[in-house]
Amino acid sequence: MQAAAPVPAVKDAEVPEPTTQQLLRVGVVKGIPFVAFGFFDNMIMITAGEQIDLMFGAKLGLSSMAAAGLGNTIADVVGINISHTIEALDYRVVPRPTIKACLHAIFAASGASTATPESTQMTLCAAYLCEMSLLEARLVPFMPSQVAAAAFAGASLLTGSPLAHGQLLAATGYSLAQLKQPLQLLLSVHHVLYQGRALPPDSVYATARRYMAADKAWIGLLPSIASTDDPRLKRADIVEV
């Protein structure tokens, strides 16, 4: 495997403090499954405990507390089986501020569609960068919306259709300068993955391998941007020289 080409250095990120609205949103998202689970758990426990007490309490000599305990056991067994359904409620009530959710919002704002091969390639490439961003720990301090915006900008560069500053700002809410650091990191991750494209399939990340298939337009095989001399880099302020 070839040694990875040097990538531009990235300065320490200046991470803004989360706003009150963002903290409240996260709190609501995390709290909904607990409230829903508590409701279902207690409802099943009370209903099952009462029926056990009425049907078997006198015959088996069960106390009300014993019947309630058996009802709680039934509630726990049911809860284990429906936990995934309950946890999914937060997606329907309050969308999670994940990178992929932010990317979908960007697609909607930009009018990106899969009507043409070019737009299909760009949307798939942005989705690929979002998924592979989990491999880079230095992206953790950035907001999900910022990483999604950087993936959108990176996809436009990798597919050879760079966006104008105004287009990027209108679609993502971020300027190119604000996306400089996460964009560098995403391009670095993509470069490392591209360098390993010839490895045996079992040595490649499953997600990366999936994007090398025909149904994903071979996005995982797009040549990486290894230096500032790459002709796809139309704007010098994206990376440091």
C-alpha atoms as a PDB file:
ATOM      1  CA  MET A   1       0.000   0.000   0.000  1.00  0.00           C
ATOM      2  CA  GLN A   2       1.389   3.434  -0.931  1.00  0.00           C
ATOM      3  CA  ALA A   3       2.277   5.869   1.806  1.00  0.00           C
ATOM      4  CA  ALA A   4      -0.338   8.557   2.196  1.00  0.00           C
ATOM      5  CA  ALA A   5       0.545  11.894   0.690  1.00  0.00           C
ATOM      6  CA  PRO A   6       0.936  14.742   3.171  1.00  0.00           C
ATOM      7  CA  VAL A   7      -2.222  16.696   3.807  1.00  0.00           C
ATOM      8  CA  PRO A   8      -2.445  20.329   4.833  1.00  0.00           C
ATOM      9  CA  ALA A   9      -2.099  21.038   8.533  1.00  0.00           C
ATOM     10  CA  VAL A  10      -5.185  21.818  10.535  1.00  0.00           C
ATOM     11  CA  LYS A  11      -5.180  24.347  13.343  1.00  0.00           C
ATOM     12  CA  ASP A  12      -6.962  23.730  16.623  1.00  0.00           C
ATOM     13  CA  ALA A  13     -10.673  24.250  16.149  1.00  0.00           C
ATOM     14  CA  GLU A  14     -12.427  27.117  17.856  1.00  0.00           C
ATOM     15  CA  VAL A  15     -15.558  25.382  19.040  1.00  0.00           C
ATOM     16  CA  PRO A  16     -18.488  27.672  19.881  1.00  0.00           C
ATOM     17  CA  GLU A  17     -20.486  27.056  23.043  1.00  0.00           C
ATOM     18  CA  PRO A  18     -23.841  25.340  22.378  1.00  0.00           C
ATOM     19  CA  THR A  19     -26.811  27.654  22.555  1.00  0.00           C
ATOM     20  CA  THR A  20     -29.650  27.254  25.056  1.00  0.00           C
ATOM     21  CA  GLN A  21     -31.939  26.152  22.229  1.00  0.00           C
ATOM     22  CA  GLN A  22     -29.490  23.436  21.159  1.00  0.00           C
ATOM     23  CA  LEU A  23     -29.104  22.163  24.741  1.00  0.00           C
ATOM     24  CA  LEU A  24     -32.872  22.136  25.206  1.00  0.00           C
ATOM     25  CA  ARG A  25     -33.290  20.239  21.938  1.00  0.00           C
ATOM     26  CA  VAL A  26     -30.791  17.567  23.008  1.00  0.00           C
ATOM     27  CA  GLY A  27     -32.488  17.305  26.406  1.00  0.00           C
ATOM     28  CA  VAL A  28     -35.902  16.765  24.818  1.00  0.00           C
ATOM     29  CA  VAL A  29     -34.498  14.219  22.358  1.00  0.00           C
ATOM     30  CA  LYS A  30     -32.831  12.224  25.130  1.00  0.00           C
ATOM     31  CA  GLY A  31     -35.773  12.522  27.517  1.00  0.00           C
ATOM     32  CA  ILE A  32     -38.607  11.335  25.269  1.00  0.00           C
ATOM     33  CA  PRO A  33     -37.606   7.618  25.251  1.00  0.00           C
ATOM     34  CA  PHE A  34     -37.368   7.562  29.058  1.00  0.00           C
ATOM     35  CA  VAL A  35     -40.786   9.164  29.533  1.00  0.00           C
ATOM     36  CA  ALA A  36     -42.375   6.845  26.957  1.00  0.00           C
ATOM     37  CA  PHE A  37     -40.717   3.748  28.404  1.00  0.00           C
ATOM     38  CA  GLY A  38     -41.805   4.684  31.944  1.00  0.00           C
ATOM     39  CA  PHE A  39     -45.384   5.139  30.774  1.00  0.00           C
ATOM     40  CA  PHE A  40     -45.563   1.783  29.000  1.00  0.00           C
ATOM     41  CA  ASP A  41     -43.678  -0.058  31.745  1.00  0.00           C
ATOM     42  CA  ASN A  42     -45.975   1.139  34.538  1.00  0.00           C
ATOM     43  CA  MET A  43     -49.121   0.659  32.469  1.00  0.00           C
ATOM     44  CA  ILE A  44     -48.234  -2.966  31.693  1.00  0.00           C
ATOM     45  CA  MET A  45     -47.104  -3.639  35.254  1.00  0.00           C
ATOM     46  CA  ILE A  46     -50.351  -2.313  36.798  1.00  0.00           C
ATOM     47  CA  THR A  47     -52.592  -4.054  34.266  1.00  0.00           C
ATOM     48  CA  ALA A  48     -50.771  -7.392  34.441  1.00  0.00           C
ATOM     49  CA  GLY A  49     -50.429  -7.258  38.231  1.00  0.00           C
ATOM     50  CA  GLU A  50     -54.132  -6.588  38.680  1.00  0.00           C
ATOM     51  CA  GLN A  51     -55.138  -9.451  36.404  1.00  0.00           C
ATOM     52  CA  ILE A  52     -52.755 -11.861  38.149  1.00  0.00           C
ATOM     53  CA  ASP A  53     -54.161 -10.800  41.518  1.00  0.00           C
ATOM     54  CA  LEU A  54     -57.764 -11.295  40.369  1.00  0.00           C
ATOM     55  CA  MET A  55     -57.222 -14.599  38.574  1.00  0.00           C
ATOM     56  CA  PHE A  56     -54.572 -16.348  40.661  1.00  0.00           C
ATOM     57  CA  GLY A  57     -54.298 -14.417  43.927  1.00  0.00           C
ATOM     58  CA  ALA A  58     -56.907 -16.357  45.887  1.00  0.00           C
ATOM     59  CA  LYS A  59     -56.173 -19.727  44.268  1.00  0.00           C
ATOM     60  CA  LEU A  60     -52.418 -19.601  44.780  1.00  0.00           C
ATOM     61  CA  GLY A  61     -52.416 -17.507  47.928  1.00  0.00           C
ATOM     62  CA  LEU A  62     -50.511 -14.647  46.325  1.00  0.00           C
ATOM     63  CA  SER A  63     -50.313 -11.327  48.088  1.00  0.00           C
ATOM     64  CA  SER A  64     -50.965  -8.109  46.219  1.00  0.00           C
ATOM     65  CA  MET A  65     -47.232  -7.314  46.309  1.00  0.00           C
ATOM     66  CA  ALA A  66     -46.371 -10.726  44.824  1.00  0.00           C
ATOM     67  CA  ALA A  67     -48.903 -10.163  42.033  1.00  0.00           C
ATOM     68  CA  ALA A  68     -47.423  -6.705  41.427  1.00  0.00           C
ATOM     69  CA  GLY A  69     -43.933  -8.254  41.271  1.00  0.00           C
ATOM     70  CA  LEU A  70     -45.057 -10.781  38.668  1.00  0.00           C
ATOM     71  CA  GLY A  71     -46.731  -7.971  36.742  1.00  0.00           C
ATOM     72  CA  ASN A  72     -43.442  -6.034  36.839  1.00  0.00           C
ATOM     73  CA  THR A  73     -41.615  -9.088  35.436  1.00  0.00           C
ATOM     74  CA  ILE A  74     -44.043  -9.232  32.524  1.00  0.00           C
ATOM     75  CA  ALA A  75     -43.627  -5.482  31.983  1.00  0.00           C
ATOM     76  CA  ASP A  76     -39.832  -5.860  31.876  1.00  0.00           C
ATOM     77  CA  VAL A  77     -40.000  -8.702  29.341  1.00  0.00           C
ATOM     78  CA  VAL A  78     -42.337  -6.691  27.116  1.00  0.00           C
ATOM     79  CA  GLY A  79     -40.173  -3.591  27.572  1.00  0.00           C
ATOM     80  CA  ILE A  80     -37.072  -5.375  26.312  1.00  0.00           C
ATOM     81  CA  ASN A  81     -38.884  -6.373  23.141  1.00  0.00           C
ATOM     82  CA  ILE A  82     -40.372  -2.945  22.404  1.00  0.00           C
ATOM     83  CA  SER A  83     -37.405  -0.824  23.539  1.00  0.00           C
ATOM     84  CA  HIS A  84     -36.237  -0.150  19.970  1.00  0.00           C
ATOM     85  CA  THR A  85     -39.710   1.007  18.979  1.00  0.00           C
ATOM     86  CA  ILE A  86     -39.882   3.354  21.951  1.00  0.00           C
ATOM     87  CA  GLU A  87     -36.403   4.741  21.328  1.00  0.00           C
ATOM     88  CA  ALA A  88     -37.438   5.520  17.753  1.00  0.00           C
ATOM     89  CA  LEU A  89     -40.110   7.910  19.027  1.00  0.00           C
ATOM     90  CA  ASP A  90     -37.572  10.713  19.445  1.00  0.00           C
ATOM     91  CA  TYR A  91     -36.882  10.659  15.693  1.00  0.00           C
ATOM     92  CA  ARG A  92     -40.566  11.258  14.968  1.00  0.00           C
ATOM     93  CA  VAL A  93     -41.162  13.922  17.622  1.00  0.00           C
ATOM     94  CA  VAL A  94     -37.852  15.814  17.600  1.00  0.00           C
ATOM     95  CA  PRO A  95     -35.397  15.000  14.782  1.00  0.00           C
ATOM     96  CA  ARG A  96     -31.948  14.242  16.139  1.00  0.00           C
ATOM     97  CA  PRO A  97     -29.235  16.784  15.289  1.00  0.00           C
ATOM     98  CA  THR A  98     -27.057  14.128  13.656  1.00  0.00           C
ATOM     99  CA  ILE A  99     -24.681  14.735  10.767  1.00  0.00           C
ATOM    100  CA  LYS A 100     -26.881  12.765   8.352  1.00  0.00           C
ATOM    101  CA  ALA A 101     -30.020  14.624   9.485  1.00  0.00           C
ATOM    102  CA  CYS A 102     -28.242  17.946   8.913  1.00  0.00           C
ATOM    103  CA  LEU A 103     -27.113  16.751   5.488  1.00  0.00           C
ATOM    104  CA  HIS A 104     -30.696  15.924   4.496  1.00  0.00           C
ATOM    105  CA  ALA A 105     -31.671  19.463   5.511  1.00  0.00           C
ATOM    106  CA  ILE A 106     -28.864  20.846   3.348  1.00  0.00           C
ATOM    107  CA  PHE A 107     -30.054  18.798   0.379  1.00  0.00           C
ATOM    108  CA  ALA A 108     -33.545  20.190   0.845  1.00  0.00           C
ATOM    109  CA  ALA A 109     -32.284  23.777   1.132  1.00  0.00           C
ATOM    110  CA  SER A 110     -30.001  23.482  -1.892  1.00  0.00           C
ATOM    111  CA  GLY A 111     -32.563  21.739  -4.068  1.00  0.00           C
ATOM    112  CA  ALA A 112     -30.128  18.878  -4.641  1.00  0.00           C
ATOM    113  CA  SER A 113     -31.820  15.901  -6.221  1.00  0.00           C
ATOM    114  CA  THR A 114     -30.946  12.667  -7.959  1.00  0.00           C
ATOM    115  CA  ALA A 115     -32.400  13.763 -11.260  1.00  0.00           C
ATOM    116  CA  THR A 116     -29.042  13.790 -13.054  1.00  0.00           C
ATOM    117  CA  PRO A 117     -25.932  11.603 -12.801  1.00  0.00           C
ATOM    118  CA  GLU A 118     -23.954  14.609 -11.536  1.00  0.00           C
ATOM    119  CA  SER A 119     -26.342  15.374  -8.690  1.00  0.00           C
ATOM    120  CA  THR A 120     -26.586  11.676  -7.815  1.00  0.00           C
ATOM    121  CA  GLN A 121     -22.816  11.457  -7.561  1.00  0.00           C
ATOM    122  CA  MET A 122     -22.588  14.566  -5.395  1.00  0.00           C
ATOM    123  CA  THR A 123     -25.313  13.511  -2.940  1.00  0.00           C
ATOM    124  CA  LEU A 124     -23.832  10.038  -2.606  1.00  0.00           C
ATOM    125  CA  CYS A 125     -20.360  11.487  -2.092  1.00  0.00           C
ATOM    126  CA  ALA A 126     -21.623  13.831   0.638  1.00  0.00           C
ATOM    127  CA  ALA A 127     -23.356  10.911   2.371  1.00  0.00           C
ATOM    128  CA  TYR A 128     -20.142   8.881   2.114  1.00  0.00           C
ATOM    129  CA  LEU A 129     -18.072  11.654   3.706  1.00  0.00           C
ATOM    130  CA  CYS A 130     -20.621  12.012   6.503  1.00  0.00           C
ATOM    131  CA  GLU A 131     -20.489   8.315   7.314  1.00  0.00           C
ATOM    132  CA  MET A 132     -16.702   8.129   7.163  1.00  0.00           C
ATOM    133  CA  SER A 133     -16.346  11.242   9.340  1.00  0.00           C
ATOM    134  CA  LEU A 134     -16.786   8.885  12.309  1.00  0.00           C
ATOM    135  CA  LEU A 135     -13.243   7.645  11.644  1.00  0.00           C
ATOM    136  CA  GLU A 136     -11.713  11.038  12.480  1.00  0.00           C
ATOM    137  CA  ALA A 137     -11.703  11.866  16.199  1.00  0.00           C
ATOM    138  CA  ARG A 138     -10.635  15.456  15.493  1.00  0.00           C
ATOM    139  CA  LEU A 139     -14.065  16.110  13.987  1.00  0.00           C
ATOM    140  CA  VAL A 140     -15.805  15.457  17.314  1.00  0.00           C
ATOM    141  CA  PRO A 141     -15.599  19.096  18.557  1.00  0.00           C
ATOM    142  CA  PHE A 142     -17.431  20.390  15.493  1.00  0.00           C
ATOM    143  CA  MET A 143     -21.200  20.773  15.376  1.00  0.00           C
ATOM    144  CA  PRO A 144     -23.008  18.091  13.306  1.00  0.00           C
ATOM    145  CA  SER A 145     -24.350  20.810  11.012  1.00  0.00           C
ATOM    146  CA  GLN A 146     -20.794  22.044  10.405  1.00  0.00           C
ATOM    147  CA  VAL A 147     -19.491  18.563   9.552  1.00  0.00           C
ATOM    148  CA  ALA A 148     -22.473  18.002   7.232  1.00  0.00           C
ATOM    149  CA  ALA A 149     -21.808  21.342   5.525  1.00  0.00           C
ATOM    150  CA  ALA A 150     -18.134  20.427   5.129  1.00  0.00           C
ATOM    151  CA  ALA A 151     -19.152  17.069   3.623  1.00  0.00           C
ATOM    152  CA  PHE A 152     -21.424  18.904   1.193  1.00  0.00           C
ATOM    153  CA  ALA A 153     -18.586  21.246   0.191  1.00  0.00           C
ATOM    154  CA  GLY A 154     -16.107  18.349   0.001  1.00  0.00           C
ATOM    155  CA  ALA A 155     -18.439  16.351  -2.224  1.00  0.00           C
ATOM    156  CA  SER A 156     -18.743  19.297  -4.597  1.00  0.00           C
ATOM    157  CA  LEU A 157     -14.940  19.446  -4.853  1.00  0.00           C
ATOM    158  CA  LEU A 158     -14.367  15.714  -5.223  1.00  0.00           C
ATOM    159  CA  THR A 159     -16.982  15.415  -7.952  1.00  0.00           C
ATOM    160  CA  GLY A 160     -15.516  18.387  -9.845  1.00  0.00           C
ATOM    161  CA  SER A 161     -18.439  20.761  -9.368  1.00  0.00           C
ATOM    162  CA  PRO A 162     -17.356  23.274  -6.706  1.00  0.00           C
ATOM    163  CA  LEU A 163     -19.997  25.570  -5.290  1.00  0.00           C
ATOM    164  CA  ALA A 164     -19.857  29.348  -5.275  1.00  0.00           C
ATOM    165  CA  HIS A 165     -19.538  30.998  -1.871  1.00  0.00           C
ATOM    166  CA  GLY A 166     -23.088  32.285  -2.063  1.00  0.00           C
ATOM    167  CA  GLN A 167     -24.487  28.863  -2.934  1.00  0.00           C
ATOM    168  CA  LEU A 168     -22.660  27.221  -0.058  1.00  0.00           C
ATOM    169  CA  LEU A 169     -23.759  29.850   2.451  1.00  0.00           C
ATOM    170  CA  ALA A 170     -27.385  29.704   1.310  1.00  0.00           C
ATOM    171  CA  ALA A 171     -27.533  25.906   1.465  1.00  0.00           C
ATOM    172  CA  THR A 172     -25.591  25.276   4.679  1.00  0.00           C
ATOM    173  CA  GLY A 173     -25.554  28.517   6.658  1.00  0.00           C
ATOM    174  CA  TYR A 174     -21.745  28.337   6.775  1.00  0.00           C
ATOM    175  CA  SER A 175     -19.150  30.254   4.825  1.00  0.00           C
ATOM    176  CA  LEU A 176     -16.177  28.522   3.243  1.00  0.00           C
ATOM    177  CA  ALA A 177     -13.888  30.014   5.890  1.00  0.00           C
ATOM    178  CA  GLN A 178     -15.981  28.454   8.689  1.00  0.00           C
ATOM    179  CA  LEU A 179     -15.737  25.038   7.026  1.00  0.00           C
ATOM    180  CA  LYS A 180     -12.011  25.159   6.357  1.00  0.00           C
ATOM    181  CA  GLN A 181     -10.870  22.914   9.205  1.00  0.00           C
ATOM    182  CA  PRO A 182     -13.549  20.186   9.061  1.00  0.00           C
ATOM    183  CA  LEU A 183     -13.228  20.171   5.276  1.00  0.00           C
ATOM    184  CA  GLN A 184      -9.482  19.565   5.533  1.00  0.00           C
ATOM    185  CA  LEU A 185     -10.084  16.686   7.923  1.00  0.00           C
ATOM    186  CA  LEU A 186     -12.745  15.093   5.712  1.00  0.00           C
ATOM    187  CA  LEU A 187     -10.512  15.331   2.649  1.00  0.00           C
ATOM    188  CA  SER A 188      -7.715  13.749   4.692  1.00  0.00           C
ATOM    189  CA  VAL A 189      -9.975  10.839   5.712  1.00  0.00           C
ATOM    190  CA  HIS A 190     -11.077  10.391   2.116  1.00  0.00           C
ATOM    191  CA  HIS A 191      -7.454  10.377   0.963  1.00  0.00           C
ATOM    192  CA  VAL A 192      -6.490   7.618   3.417  1.00  0.00           C
ATOM    193  CA  LEU A 193      -9.480   5.517   2.361  1.00  0.00           C
ATOM    194  CA  TYR A 194      -8.677   6.058  -1.310  1.00  0.00           C
ATOM    195  CA  GLN A 195      -5.094   4.915  -0.703  1.00  0.00           C
ATOM    196  CA  GLY A 196      -6.442   1.631   0.650  1.00  0.00           C
ATOM    197  CA  ARG A 197      -8.820   0.942  -2.249  1.00  0.00           C
ATOM    198  CA  ALA A 198      -6.626  -1.918  -3.571  1.00  0.00           C
ATOM    199  CA  LEU A 199      -6.542  -3.780  -0.270  1.00  0.00           C
ATOM    200  CA  PRO A 200      -8.354  -7.131   0.040  1.00  0.00           C
ATOM    201  CA  PRO A 201     -12.088  -6.629   0.648  1.00  0.00           C
ATOM    202  CA  ASP A 202     -11.922  -7.958   4.198  1.00  0.00           C
ATOM    203  CA  SER A 203      -9.303  -5.311   5.026  1.00  0.00           C
ATOM    204  CA  VAL A 204     -11.513  -2.395   3.930  1.00  0.00           C
ATOM    205  CA  TYR A 205     -14.146  -0.776   6.120  1.00  0.00           C
ATOM    206  CA  ALA A 206     -17.554  -2.214   5.302  1.00  0.00           C
ATOM    207  CA  THR A 207     -19.025   1.253   4.686  1.00  0.00           C
ATOM    208  CA  ALA A 208     -16.168   2.225   2.381  1.00  0.00           C
ATOM    209  CA  ARG A 209     -16.532  -1.067   0.514  1.00  0.00           C
ATOM    210  CA  ARG A 210     -20.254  -0.464   0.096  1.00  0.00           C
ATOM    211  CA  TYR A 211     -19.599   2.889  -1.585  1.00  0.00           C
ATOM    212  CA  MET A 212     -17.228   1.230  -4.053  1.00  0.00           C
ATOM    213  CA  ALA A 213     -20.116  -0.666  -5.644  1.00  0.00           C
ATOM    214  CA  ALA A 214     -21.946   0.218  -8.838  1.00  0.00           C
ATOM    215  CA  ASP A 215     -25.219   1.047  -7.064  1.00  0.00           C
ATOM    216  CA  LYS A 216     -23.314   3.763  -5.160  1.00  0.00           C
ATOM    217  CA  ALA A 217     -21.807   5.136  -8.394  1.00  0.00           C
ATOM    218  CA  TRP A 218     -18.334   3.959  -7.288  1.00  0.00           C
ATOM    219  CA  ILE A 219     -18.086   6.969  -4.949  1.00  0.00           C
ATOM    220  CA  GLY A 220     -15.486   5.186  -2.832  1.00  0.00           C
ATOM    221  CA  LEU A 221     -13.209   5.090  -5.872  1.00  0.00           C
ATOM    222  CA  LEU A 222     -13.248   8.845  -6.541  1.00  0.00           C
ATOM    223  CA  PRO A 223      -9.626  10.057  -6.652  1.00  0.00           C
ATOM    224  CA  SER A 224      -8.662  11.874  -3.492  1.00  0.00           C
ATOM    225  CA  ILE A 225      -7.363  15.430  -3.256  1.00  0.00           C
ATOM    226  CA  ALA A 226      -3.806  14.879  -2.061  1.00  0.00           C
ATOM    227  CA  SER A 227      -2.365  18.362  -2.527  1.00  0.00           C
ATOM    228  CA  THR A 228      -3.270  21.963  -3.227  1.00  0.00           C
ATOM    229  CA  ASP A 229      -2.158  21.445  -6.835  1.00  0.00           C
ATOM    230  CA  ASP A 230      -5.213  19.330  -7.572  1.00  0.00           C
ATOM    231  CA  PRO A 231      -7.167  21.010 -10.409  1.00  0.00           C
ATOM    232  CA  ARG A 232     -10.433  20.453  -8.550  1.00  0.00           C
ATOM    233  CA  LEU A 233      -9.373  22.943  -5.907  1.00  0.00           C
ATOM    234  CA  LYS A 234     -10.759  26.087  -7.459  1.00  0.00           C
ATOM    235  CA  ARG A 235     -10.537  28.220  -4.319  1.00  0.00           C
ATOM    236  CA  ALA A 236      -7.239  28.766  -2.527  1.00  0.00           C
ATOM    237  CA  ASP A 237      -8.883  29.593   0.822  1.00  0.00           C
ATOM    238  CA  ILE A 238     -10.183  26.039   1.333  1.00  0.00           C
ATOM    239  CA  VAL A 239      -6.829  24.655   2.448  1.00  0.00           C
ATOM    240  CA  GLU A 240      -3.590  26.190   3.589  1.00  0.00           C
ATOM    241  CA  VAL A 241      -0.734  26.199   1.138  1.00  0.00           C
END
